Amino acid sequence: MVFEKTVLNKALAVAFDIPIAVTHWDGKTEKYGEGETQVHITFNKKFSFSELSSMPTLVLAEAYMNEEIEIEGEHSRACYISIS
């Protein structure tokens, strides 16, 4: 679990140019950026490294549709996530 969170944290730290908060599947919340949080992403499911490394955009889009990820705030700004 630690490895997956570390990879996800590193990717999310550079994926946005706005302040965000991320709540992981274990309930712990990380904040990225300076200022008031504009987007809050909640991961309701633990994603494996292999899931996120193969086709991350598709995996995250499907997860959002299946409510495995929740996004609060400006959804349009959250759509610019780019994990590669």
PDB file of N, CA and C in Angstrom:
ATOM      1  N   MET A   1       0.822  -1.187   0.000  1.00  0.00           N
ATOM      2  CA  MET A   1       0.000   0.000   0.000  1.00  0.00           C
ATOM      3  C   MET A   1       0.866   1.250   0.000  1.00  0.00           C
ATOM      4  N   VAL A   2       1.959   1.245   0.674  1.00  0.00           N
ATOM      5  CA  VAL A   2       2.826   2.413   0.753  1.00  0.00           C
ATOM      6  C   VAL A   2       3.379   2.761  -0.621  1.00  0.00           C
ATOM      7  N   PHE A   3       3.779   1.749  -1.390  1.00  0.00           N
ATOM      8  CA  PHE A   3       4.344   1.993  -2.714  1.00  0.00           C
ATOM      9  C   PHE A   3       3.330   2.685  -3.621  1.00  0.00           C
ATOM     10  N   GLU A   4       2.087   2.190  -3.651  1.00  0.00           N
ATOM     11  CA  GLU A   4       1.061   2.776  -4.502  1.00  0.00           C
ATOM     12  C   GLU A   4       0.789   4.226  -4.116  1.00  0.00           C
ATOM     13  N   LYS A   5       0.713   4.504  -2.798  1.00  0.00           N
ATOM     14  CA  LYS A   5       0.472   5.877  -2.356  1.00  0.00           C
ATOM     15  C   LYS A   5       1.638   6.781  -2.711  1.00  0.00           C
ATOM     16  N   THR A   6       2.854   6.287  -2.608  1.00  0.00           N
ATOM     17  CA  THR A   6       4.029   7.089  -2.942  1.00  0.00           C
ATOM     18  C   THR A   6       4.016   7.465  -4.415  1.00  0.00           C
ATOM     19  N   VAL A   7       3.744   6.501  -5.275  1.00  0.00           N
ATOM     20  CA  VAL A   7       3.684   6.767  -6.718  1.00  0.00           C
ATOM     21  C   VAL A   7       2.567   7.758  -7.022  1.00  0.00           C
ATOM     22  N   LEU A   8       1.403   7.535  -6.452  1.00  0.00           N
ATOM     23  CA  LEU A   8       0.267   8.419  -6.687  1.00  0.00           C
ATOM     24  C   LEU A   8       0.561   9.826  -6.175  1.00  0.00           C
ATOM     25  N   ASN A   9       1.147   9.944  -4.995  1.00  0.00           N
ATOM     26  CA  ASN A   9       1.474  11.255  -4.433  1.00  0.00           C
ATOM     27  C   ASN A   9       2.450  12.017  -5.314  1.00  0.00           C
ATOM     28  N   LYS A  10       3.474  11.340  -5.807  1.00  0.00           N
ATOM     29  CA  LYS A  10       4.456  12.002  -6.678  1.00  0.00           C
ATOM     30  C   LYS A  10       3.802  12.490  -7.964  1.00  0.00           C
ATOM     31  N   ALA A  11       2.928  11.684  -8.528  1.00  0.00           N
ATOM     32  CA  ALA A  11       2.245  12.073  -9.762  1.00  0.00           C
ATOM     33  C   ALA A  11       1.299  13.246  -9.522  1.00  0.00           C
ATOM     34  N   LEU A  12       0.533  13.195  -8.446  1.00  0.00           N
ATOM     35  CA  LEU A  12      -0.428  14.254  -8.169  1.00  0.00           C
ATOM     36  C   LEU A  12       0.243  15.564  -7.782  1.00  0.00           C
ATOM     37  N   ALA A  13       1.404  15.489  -7.178  1.00  0.00           N
ATOM     38  CA  ALA A  13       2.120  16.699  -6.765  1.00  0.00           C
ATOM     39  C   ALA A  13       2.491  17.575  -7.948  1.00  0.00           C
ATOM     40  N   VAL A  14       2.663  16.990  -9.117  1.00  0.00           N
ATOM     41  CA  VAL A  14       3.042  17.768 -10.304  1.00  0.00           C
ATOM     42  C   VAL A  14       1.933  17.829 -11.355  1.00  0.00           C
ATOM     43  N   ALA A  15       0.813  17.167 -11.117  1.00  0.00           N
ATOM     44  CA  ALA A  15      -0.244  17.085 -12.122  1.00  0.00           C
ATOM     45  C   ALA A  15      -1.129  18.328 -12.176  1.00  0.00           C
ATOM     46  N   PHE A  16      -1.145  19.113 -11.122  1.00  0.00           N
ATOM     47  CA  PHE A  16      -2.030  20.269 -11.052  1.00  0.00           C
ATOM     48  C   PHE A  16      -1.231  21.540 -10.833  1.00  0.00           C
ATOM     49  N   ASP A  17      -1.775  22.646 -11.335  1.00  0.00           N
ATOM     50  CA  ASP A  17      -1.167  23.942 -11.060  1.00  0.00           C
ATOM     51  C   ASP A  17      -2.048  24.764 -10.120  1.00  0.00           C
ATOM     52  N   ILE A  18      -2.997  24.082  -9.460  1.00  0.00           N
ATOM     53  CA  ILE A  18      -3.870  24.707  -8.473  1.00  0.00           C
ATOM     54  C   ILE A  18      -3.772  23.906  -7.176  1.00  0.00           C
ATOM     55  N   PRO A  19      -4.144  24.505  -6.043  1.00  0.00           N
ATOM     56  CA  PRO A  19      -4.121  23.762  -4.779  1.00  0.00           C
ATOM     57  C   PRO A  19      -5.189  22.663  -4.765  1.00  0.00           C
ATOM     58  N   ILE A  20      -4.783  21.442  -4.442  1.00  0.00           N
ATOM     59  CA  ILE A  20      -5.720  20.320  -4.375  1.00  0.00           C
ATOM     60  C   ILE A  20      -5.524  19.556  -3.073  1.00  0.00           C
ATOM     61  N   ALA A  21      -6.542  18.793  -2.713  1.00  0.00           N
ATOM     62  CA  ALA A  21      -6.457  17.857  -1.594  1.00  0.00           C
ATOM     63  C   ALA A  21      -6.835  16.489  -2.134  1.00  0.00           C
ATOM     64  N   VAL A  22      -6.151  15.471  -1.645  1.00  0.00           N
ATOM     65  CA  VAL A  22      -6.420  14.099  -2.065  1.00  0.00           C
ATOM     66  C   VAL A  22      -6.622  13.248  -0.823  1.00  0.00           C
ATOM     67  N   THR A  23      -7.770  12.579  -0.747  1.00  0.00           N
ATOM     68  CA  THR A  23      -8.020  11.635   0.335  1.00  0.00           C
ATOM     69  C   THR A  23      -7.862  10.238  -0.238  1.00  0.00           C
ATOM     70  N   HIS A  24      -6.963   9.477   0.377  1.00  0.00           N
ATOM     71  CA  HIS A  24      -6.669   8.125  -0.094  1.00  0.00           C
ATOM     72  C   HIS A  24      -7.658   7.129   0.490  1.00  0.00           C
ATOM     73  N   TRP A  25      -7.628   5.924  -0.041  1.00  0.00           N
ATOM     74  CA  TRP A  25      -8.511   4.827   0.352  1.00  0.00           C
ATOM     75  C   TRP A  25      -8.399   4.483   1.829  1.00  0.00           C
ATOM     76  N   ASP A  26      -7.299   4.886   2.477  1.00  0.00           N
ATOM     77  CA  ASP A  26      -7.147   4.606   3.909  1.00  0.00           C
ATOM     78  C   ASP A  26      -7.631   5.765   4.778  1.00  0.00           C
ATOM     79  N   GLY A  27      -8.206   6.804   4.149  1.00  0.00           N
ATOM     80  CA  GLY A  27      -8.764   7.932   4.882  1.00  0.00           C
ATOM     81  C   GLY A  27      -7.808   9.086   5.130  1.00  0.00           C
ATOM     82  N   LYS A  28      -6.544   8.923   4.807  1.00  0.00           N
ATOM     83  CA  LYS A  28      -5.568   9.991   5.023  1.00  0.00           C
ATOM     84  C   LYS A  28      -5.630  10.989   3.870  1.00  0.00           C
ATOM     85  N   THR A  29      -5.516  12.277   4.217  1.00  0.00           N
ATOM     86  CA  THR A  29      -5.603  13.345   3.227  1.00  0.00           C
ATOM     87  C   THR A  29      -4.263  14.043   3.067  1.00  0.00           C
ATOM     88  N   GLU A  30      -3.886  14.270   1.824  1.00  0.00           N
ATOM     89  CA  GLU A  30      -2.660  15.002   1.472  1.00  0.00           C
ATOM     90  C   GLU A  30      -3.087  16.276   0.757  1.00  0.00           C
ATOM     91  N   LYS A  31      -2.353  17.371   0.996  1.00  0.00           N
ATOM     92  CA  LYS A  31      -2.630  18.629   0.298  1.00  0.00           C
ATOM     93  C   LYS A  31      -1.430  18.996  -0.548  1.00  0.00           C
ATOM     94  N   TYR A  32      -1.715  19.527  -1.737  1.00  0.00           N
ATOM     95  CA  TYR A  32      -0.673  19.931  -2.676  1.00  0.00           C
ATOM     96  C   TYR A  32      -0.939  21.365  -3.103  1.00  0.00           C
ATOM     97  N   GLY A  33       0.107  22.155  -3.193  1.00  0.00           N
ATOM     98  CA  GLY A  33      -0.015  23.539  -3.626  1.00  0.00           C
ATOM     99  C   GLY A  33      -0.266  24.477  -2.464  1.00  0.00           C
ATOM    100  N   GLU A  34      -0.114  25.742  -2.754  1.00  0.00           N
ATOM    101  CA  GLU A  34      -0.300  26.799  -1.761  1.00  0.00           C
ATOM    102  C   GLU A  34      -1.698  27.386  -1.883  1.00  0.00           C
ATOM    103  N   GLY A  35      -2.269  27.776  -0.766  1.00  0.00           N
ATOM    104  CA  GLY A  35      -3.564  28.446  -0.770  1.00  0.00           C
ATOM    105  C   GLY A  35      -4.719  27.509  -0.494  1.00  0.00           C
ATOM    106  N   GLU A  36      -5.914  28.067  -0.666  1.00  0.00           N
ATOM    107  CA  GLU A  36      -7.137  27.324  -0.393  1.00  0.00           C
ATOM    108  C   GLU A  36      -7.367  26.244  -1.454  1.00  0.00           C
ATOM    109  N   THR A  37      -7.718  25.058  -1.001  1.00  0.00           N
ATOM    110  CA  THR A  37      -7.963  23.929  -1.898  1.00  0.00           C
ATOM    111  C   THR A  37      -9.099  24.248  -2.865  1.00  0.00           C
ATOM    112  N   GLN A  38      -8.859  24.028  -4.149  1.00  0.00           N
ATOM    113  CA  GLN A  38      -9.877  24.274  -5.167  1.00  0.00           C
ATOM    114  C   GLN A  38     -10.520  22.985  -5.661  1.00  0.00           C
ATOM    115  N   VAL A  39      -9.807  21.878  -5.535  1.00  0.00           N
ATOM    116  CA  VAL A  39     -10.322  20.572  -5.959  1.00  0.00           C
ATOM    117  C   VAL A  39      -9.957  19.555  -4.888  1.00  0.00           C
ATOM    118  N   HIS A  40     -10.917  18.693  -4.544  1.00  0.00           N
ATOM    119  CA  HIS A  40     -10.670  17.614  -3.582  1.00  0.00           C
ATOM    120  C   HIS A  40     -11.012  16.298  -4.276  1.00  0.00           C
ATOM    121  N   ILE A  41     -10.017  15.428  -4.369  1.00  0.00           N
ATOM    122  CA  ILE A  41     -10.195  14.121  -4.999  1.00  0.00           C
ATOM    123  C   ILE A  41     -10.165  13.057  -3.913  1.00  0.00           C
ATOM    124  N   THR A  42     -11.163  12.195  -3.907  1.00  0.00           N
ATOM    125  CA  THR A  42     -11.219  11.099  -2.946  1.00  0.00           C
ATOM    126  C   THR A  42     -11.114   9.779  -3.699  1.00  0.00           C
ATOM    127  N   PHE A  43     -10.125   8.981  -3.319  1.00  0.00           N
ATOM    128  CA  PHE A  43      -9.958   7.646  -3.890  1.00  0.00           C
ATOM    129  C   PHE A  43     -10.657   6.661  -2.960  1.00  0.00           C
ATOM    130  N   ASN A  44     -11.767   6.085  -3.413  1.00  0.00           N
ATOM    131  CA  ASN A  44     -12.513   5.112  -2.619  1.00  0.00           C
ATOM    132  C   ASN A  44     -11.965   3.704  -2.784  1.00  0.00           C
ATOM    133  N   LYS A  45     -11.054   3.538  -3.710  1.00  0.00           N
ATOM    134  CA  LYS A  45     -10.477   2.226  -4.013  1.00  0.00           C
ATOM    135  C   LYS A  45      -8.966   2.367  -4.092  1.00  0.00           C
ATOM    136  N   LYS A  46      -8.279   1.344  -3.673  1.00  0.00           N
ATOM    137  CA  LYS A  46      -6.822   1.299  -3.838  1.00  0.00           C
ATOM    138  C   LYS A  46      -6.525   0.828  -5.258  1.00  0.00           C
ATOM    139  N   PHE A  47      -5.718   1.604  -5.968  1.00  0.00           N
ATOM    140  CA  PHE A  47      -5.322   1.242  -7.325  1.00  0.00           C
ATOM    141  C   PHE A  47      -3.913   0.688  -7.300  1.00  0.00           C
ATOM    142  N   SER A  48      -3.701  -0.397  -8.018  1.00  0.00           N
ATOM    143  CA  SER A  48      -2.368  -0.995  -8.069  1.00  0.00           C
ATOM    144  C   SER A  48      -1.477  -0.190  -9.005  1.00  0.00           C
ATOM    145  N   PHE A  49      -0.185  -0.351  -8.830  1.00  0.00           N
ATOM    146  CA  PHE A  49       0.780   0.322  -9.696  1.00  0.00           C
ATOM    147  C   PHE A  49       0.564  -0.081 -11.149  1.00  0.00           C
ATOM    148  N   SER A  50       0.281  -1.355 -11.382  1.00  0.00           N
ATOM    149  CA  SER A  50       0.091  -1.817 -12.765  1.00  0.00           C
ATOM    150  C   SER A  50      -1.136  -1.169 -13.406  1.00  0.00           C
ATOM    151  N   GLU A  51      -2.200  -0.952 -12.632  1.00  0.00           N
ATOM    152  CA  GLU A  51      -3.385  -0.277 -13.169  1.00  0.00           C
ATOM    153  C   GLU A  51      -3.050   1.147 -13.603  1.00  0.00           C
ATOM    154  N   LEU A  52      -2.333   1.859 -12.747  1.00  0.00           N
ATOM    155  CA  LEU A  52      -2.039   3.265 -13.021  1.00  0.00           C
ATOM    156  C   LEU A  52      -0.930   3.466 -14.038  1.00  0.00           C
ATOM    157  N   SER A  53      -0.086   2.474 -14.218  1.00  0.00           N
ATOM    158  CA  SER A  53       1.036   2.660 -15.140  1.00  0.00           C
ATOM    159  C   SER A  53       0.694   2.282 -16.579  1.00  0.00           C
ATOM    160  N   SER A  54      -0.312   1.444 -16.774  1.00  0.00           N
ATOM    161  CA  SER A  54      -0.612   1.003 -18.138  1.00  0.00           C
ATOM    162  C   SER A  54      -1.374   2.066 -18.931  1.00  0.00           C
ATOM    163  N   MET A  55      -2.547   2.436 -18.480  1.00  0.00           N
ATOM    164  CA  MET A  55      -3.374   3.438 -19.166  1.00  0.00           C
ATOM    165  C   MET A  55      -4.034   4.316 -18.104  1.00  0.00           C
ATOM    166  N   PRO A  56      -3.274   5.189 -17.463  1.00  0.00           N
ATOM    167  CA  PRO A  56      -3.794   5.926 -16.310  1.00  0.00           C
ATOM    168  C   PRO A  56      -5.017   6.783 -16.607  1.00  0.00           C
ATOM    169  N   THR A  57      -5.059   7.422 -17.754  1.00  0.00           N
ATOM    170  CA  THR A  57      -6.204   8.277 -18.062  1.00  0.00           C
ATOM    171  C   THR A  57      -7.479   7.458 -18.162  1.00  0.00           C
ATOM    172  N   LEU A  58      -7.419   6.326 -18.842  1.00  0.00           N
ATOM    173  CA  LEU A  58      -8.581   5.451 -18.975  1.00  0.00           C
ATOM    174  C   LEU A  58      -8.981   4.866 -17.623  1.00  0.00           C
ATOM    175  N   VAL A  59      -8.011   4.414 -16.859  1.00  0.00           N
ATOM    176  CA  VAL A  59      -8.289   3.825 -15.540  1.00  0.00           C
ATOM    177  C   VAL A  59      -8.985   4.844 -14.642  1.00  0.00           C
ATOM    178  N   LEU A  60      -8.468   6.076 -14.610  1.00  0.00           N
ATOM    179  CA  LEU A  60      -9.051   7.100 -13.747  1.00  0.00           C
ATOM    180  C   LEU A  60     -10.425   7.548 -14.248  1.00  0.00           C
ATOM    181  N   ALA A  61     -10.619   7.609 -15.560  1.00  0.00           N
ATOM    182  CA  ALA A  61     -11.931   7.974 -16.107  1.00  0.00           C
ATOM    183  C   ALA A  61     -12.974   6.911 -15.759  1.00  0.00           C
ATOM    184  N   GLU A  62     -12.623   5.650 -15.917  1.00  0.00           N
ATOM    185  CA  GLU A  62     -13.544   4.564 -15.561  1.00  0.00           C
ATOM    186  C   GLU A  62     -13.811   4.553 -14.059  1.00  0.00           C
ATOM    187  N   ALA A  63     -12.782   4.814 -13.276  1.00  0.00           N
ATOM    188  CA  ALA A  63     -12.948   4.845 -11.822  1.00  0.00           C
ATOM    189  C   ALA A  63     -13.916   5.956 -11.413  1.00  0.00           C
ATOM    190  N   TYR A  64     -13.822   7.094 -12.079  1.00  0.00           N
ATOM    191  CA  TYR A  64     -14.743   8.200 -11.794  1.00  0.00           C
ATOM    192  C   TYR A  64     -16.177   7.793 -12.132  1.00  0.00           C
ATOM    193  N   MET A  65     -16.365   7.161 -13.277  1.00  0.00           N
ATOM    194  CA  MET A  65     -17.702   6.732 -13.688  1.00  0.00           C
ATOM    195  C   MET A  65     -18.272   5.671 -12.743  1.00  0.00           C
ATOM    196  N   ASN A  66     -17.408   4.853 -12.163  1.00  0.00           N
ATOM    197  CA  ASN A  66     -17.826   3.790 -11.242  1.00  0.00           C
ATOM    198  C   ASN A  66     -17.852   4.249  -9.791  1.00  0.00           C
ATOM    199  N   GLU A  67     -17.667   5.553  -9.564  1.00  0.00           N
ATOM    200  CA  GLU A  67     -17.664   6.158  -8.229  1.00  0.00           C
ATOM    201  C   GLU A  67     -16.557   5.611  -7.332  1.00  0.00           C
ATOM    202  N   GLU A  68     -15.475   5.151  -7.937  1.00  0.00           N
ATOM    203  CA  GLU A  68     -14.303   4.730  -7.172  1.00  0.00           C
ATOM    204  C   GLU A  68     -13.412   5.933  -6.879  1.00  0.00           C
ATOM    205  N   ILE A  69     -13.678   7.036  -7.591  1.00  0.00           N
ATOM    206  CA  ILE A  69     -13.032   8.323  -7.362  1.00  0.00           C
ATOM    207  C   ILE A  69     -14.137   9.372  -7.312  1.00  0.00           C
ATOM    208  N   GLU A  70     -14.059  10.270  -6.330  1.00  0.00           N
ATOM    209  CA  GLU A  70     -14.993  11.385  -6.249  1.00  0.00           C
ATOM    210  C   GLU A  70     -14.201  12.673  -6.414  1.00  0.00           C
ATOM    211  N   ILE A  71     -14.778  13.626  -7.128  1.00  0.00           N
ATOM    212  CA  ILE A  71     -14.120  14.914  -7.334  1.00  0.00           C
ATOM    213  C   ILE A  71     -15.065  16.012  -6.879  1.00  0.00           C
ATOM    214  N   GLU A  72     -14.589  16.839  -5.945  1.00  0.00           N
ATOM    215  CA  GLU A  72     -15.351  17.983  -5.469  1.00  0.00           C
ATOM    216  C   GLU A  72     -14.610  19.246  -5.874  1.00  0.00           C
ATOM    217  N   GLY A  73     -15.365  20.276  -6.195  1.00  0.00           N
ATOM    218  CA  GLY A  73     -14.745  21.536  -6.602  1.00  0.00           C
ATOM    219  C   GLY A  73     -14.933  21.751  -8.086  1.00  0.00           C
ATOM    220  N   GLU A  74     -14.017  22.483  -8.671  1.00  0.00           N
ATOM    221  CA  GLU A  74     -14.110  22.805 -10.091  1.00  0.00           C
ATOM    222  C   GLU A  74     -13.697  21.593 -10.931  1.00  0.00           C
ATOM    223  N   HIS A  75     -14.686  20.813 -11.361  1.00  0.00           N
ATOM    224  CA  HIS A  75     -14.417  19.594 -12.129  1.00  0.00           C
ATOM    225  C   HIS A  75     -13.606  19.872 -13.381  1.00  0.00           C
ATOM    226  N   SER A  76     -13.875  20.991 -14.016  1.00  0.00           N
ATOM    227  CA  SER A  76     -13.151  21.293 -15.250  1.00  0.00           C
ATOM    228  C   SER A  76     -11.658  21.455 -14.999  1.00  0.00           C
ATOM    229  N   ARG A  77     -11.294  21.964 -13.834  1.00  0.00           N
ATOM    230  CA  ARG A  77      -9.878  22.125 -13.514  1.00  0.00           C
ATOM    231  C   ARG A  77      -9.261  20.776 -13.160  1.00  0.00           C
ATOM    232  N   ALA A  78     -10.049  19.877 -12.595  1.00  0.00           N
ATOM    233  CA  ALA A  78      -9.535  18.557 -12.229  1.00  0.00           C
ATOM    234  C   ALA A  78      -9.291  17.696 -13.459  1.00  0.00           C
ATOM    235  N   CYS A  79      -9.939  18.010 -14.550  1.00  0.00           N
ATOM    236  CA  CYS A  79      -9.796  17.211 -15.768  1.00  0.00           C
ATOM    237  C   CYS A  79      -8.428  17.346 -16.409  1.00  0.00           C
ATOM    238  N   TYR A  80      -7.634  18.288 -15.986  1.00  0.00           N
ATOM    239  CA  TYR A  80      -6.324  18.493 -16.590  1.00  0.00           C
ATOM    240  C   TYR A  80      -5.250  17.589 -16.001  1.00  0.00           C
ATOM    241  N   ILE A  81      -5.645  16.654 -15.160  1.00  0.00           N
ATOM    242  CA  ILE A  81      -4.668  15.746 -14.555  1.00  0.00           C
ATOM    243  C   ILE A  81      -3.958  14.962 -15.650  1.00  0.00           C
ATOM    244  N   SER A  82      -2.681  14.822 -15.485  1.00  0.00           N
ATOM    245  CA  SER A  82      -1.882  14.113 -16.488  1.00  0.00           C
ATOM    246  C   SER A  82      -0.837  13.273 -15.782  1.00  0.00           C
ATOM    247  N   ILE A  83      -1.112  11.996 -15.662  1.00  0.00           N
ATOM    248  CA  ILE A  83      -0.163  11.085 -15.029  1.00  0.00           C
ATOM    249  C   ILE A  83       0.470  10.262 -16.136  1.00  0.00           C
ATOM    250  N   SER A  84       1.748  10.438 -16.325  1.00  0.00           N
ATOM    251  CA  SER A  84       2.412   9.675 -17.384  1.00  0.00           C
ATOM    252  C   SER A  84       3.719   9.108 -16.909  1.00  0.00           C
TER     253      SER A  84
END
